[in-house]
Amino acid sequence: MDEWFAQNPLMGALGGVIALGILIYMMVIMTRNVGEDLPRKSNGREVDPSLRVPPP
């Protein structure tokens, strides 16, 4: 099987193109929402800090 890959240089080029495409895709995904805060749904179980009463 190794001899077949060595005789077919297109397989090496195709692998390089696929690897480069995956790398570019991952970089786009990682840098897509930098600095943007995503809207957060309120959770009914969370306590509102303004409702807390200090101890007497």
C-alpha atoms as a PDB file:
ATOM      1  CA  MET A   1       0.000   0.000   0.000  1.00  0.00           C
ATOM      2  CA  ASP A   2       2.891   2.362   0.733  1.00  0.00           C
ATOM      3  CA  GLU A   3       4.228   1.885  -2.784  1.00  0.00           C
ATOM      4  CA  TRP A   4       0.906   3.006  -4.267  1.00  0.00           C
ATOM      5  CA  PHE A   5       0.977   6.295  -2.349  1.00  0.00           C
ATOM      6  CA  ALA A   6       4.600   6.854  -3.319  1.00  0.00           C
ATOM      7  CA  GLN A   7       3.750   6.378  -7.003  1.00  0.00           C
ATOM      8  CA  ASN A   8       0.735   8.696  -6.913  1.00  0.00           C
ATOM      9  CA  PRO A   9       1.804  12.274  -6.053  1.00  0.00           C
ATOM     10  CA  LEU A  10      -1.773  13.523  -6.443  1.00  0.00           C
ATOM     11  CA  MET A  11      -2.730  11.734  -3.233  1.00  0.00           C
ATOM     12  CA  GLY A  12      -0.136  13.759  -1.323  1.00  0.00           C
ATOM     13  CA  ALA A  13      -1.335  16.993  -2.905  1.00  0.00           C
ATOM     14  CA  LEU A  14      -4.955  16.112  -2.183  1.00  0.00           C
ATOM     15  CA  GLY A  15      -4.123  15.387   1.441  1.00  0.00           C
ATOM     16  CA  GLY A  16      -2.352  18.725   1.739  1.00  0.00           C
ATOM     17  CA  VAL A  17      -5.299  20.601   0.260  1.00  0.00           C
ATOM     18  CA  ILE A  18      -7.717  18.846   2.614  1.00  0.00           C
ATOM     19  CA  ALA A  19      -5.506  19.595   5.629  1.00  0.00           C
ATOM     20  CA  LEU A  20      -5.212  23.251   4.605  1.00  0.00           C
ATOM     21  CA  GLY A  21      -8.980  23.498   4.168  1.00  0.00           C
ATOM     22  CA  ILE A  22      -9.598  22.046   7.621  1.00  0.00           C
ATOM     23  CA  LEU A  23      -7.078  24.482   9.138  1.00  0.00           C
ATOM     24  CA  ILE A  24      -8.694  27.508   7.480  1.00  0.00           C
ATOM     25  CA  TYR A  25     -12.174  26.309   8.519  1.00  0.00           C
ATOM     26  CA  MET A  26     -11.073  25.932  12.157  1.00  0.00           C
ATOM     27  CA  MET A  27      -9.505  29.410  12.172  1.00  0.00           C
ATOM     28  CA  VAL A  28     -12.736  30.931  10.816  1.00  0.00           C
ATOM     29  CA  ILE A  29     -14.806  29.140  13.461  1.00  0.00           C
ATOM     30  CA  MET A  30     -12.489  30.238  16.294  1.00  0.00           C
ATOM     31  CA  THR A  31     -12.385  33.905  15.247  1.00  0.00           C
ATOM     32  CA  ARG A  32     -16.016  34.332  14.194  1.00  0.00           C
ATOM     33  CA  ASN A  33     -17.543  35.764  17.395  1.00  0.00           C
ATOM     34  CA  VAL A  34     -14.564  37.369  19.099  1.00  0.00           C
ATOM     35  CA  GLY A  35     -15.670  40.280  21.300  1.00  0.00           C
ATOM     36  CA  GLU A  36     -19.397  39.666  20.890  1.00  0.00           C
ATOM     37  CA  ASP A  37     -21.362  38.703  23.961  1.00  0.00           C
ATOM     38  CA  LEU A  38     -23.993  36.156  23.116  1.00  0.00           C
ATOM     39  CA  PRO A  39     -27.431  36.856  24.586  1.00  0.00           C
ATOM     40  CA  ARG A  40     -27.971  34.758  27.666  1.00  0.00           C
ATOM     41  CA  LYS A  41     -31.318  33.272  28.609  1.00  0.00           C
ATOM     42  CA  SER A  42     -32.402  33.947  32.151  1.00  0.00           C
ATOM     43  CA  ASN A  43     -32.469  30.912  34.337  1.00  0.00           C
ATOM     44  CA  GLY A  44     -35.459  30.639  36.671  1.00  0.00           C
ATOM     45  CA  ARG A  45     -33.341  28.942  39.326  1.00  0.00           C
ATOM     46  CA  GLU A  46     -30.907  31.862  39.633  1.00  0.00           C
ATOM     47  CA  VAL A  47     -31.403  34.216  42.553  1.00  0.00           C
ATOM     48  CA  ASP A  48     -31.718  37.911  41.821  1.00  0.00           C
ATOM     49  CA  PRO A  49     -28.978  39.694  43.842  1.00  0.00           C
ATOM     50  CA  SER A  50     -31.270  42.688  44.453  1.00  0.00           C
ATOM     51  CA  LEU A  51     -33.647  40.425  46.449  1.00  0.00           C
ATOM     52  CA  ARG A  52     -31.018  39.416  48.978  1.00  0.00           C
ATOM     53  CA  VAL A  53     -31.531  40.926  52.400  1.00  0.00           C
ATOM     54  CA  PRO A  54     -28.508  41.437  54.631  1.00  0.00           C
ATOM     55  CA  PRO A  55     -28.683  39.820  58.041  1.00  0.00           C
ATOM     56  CA  PRO A  56     -29.915  42.062  60.902  1.00  0.00           C
END
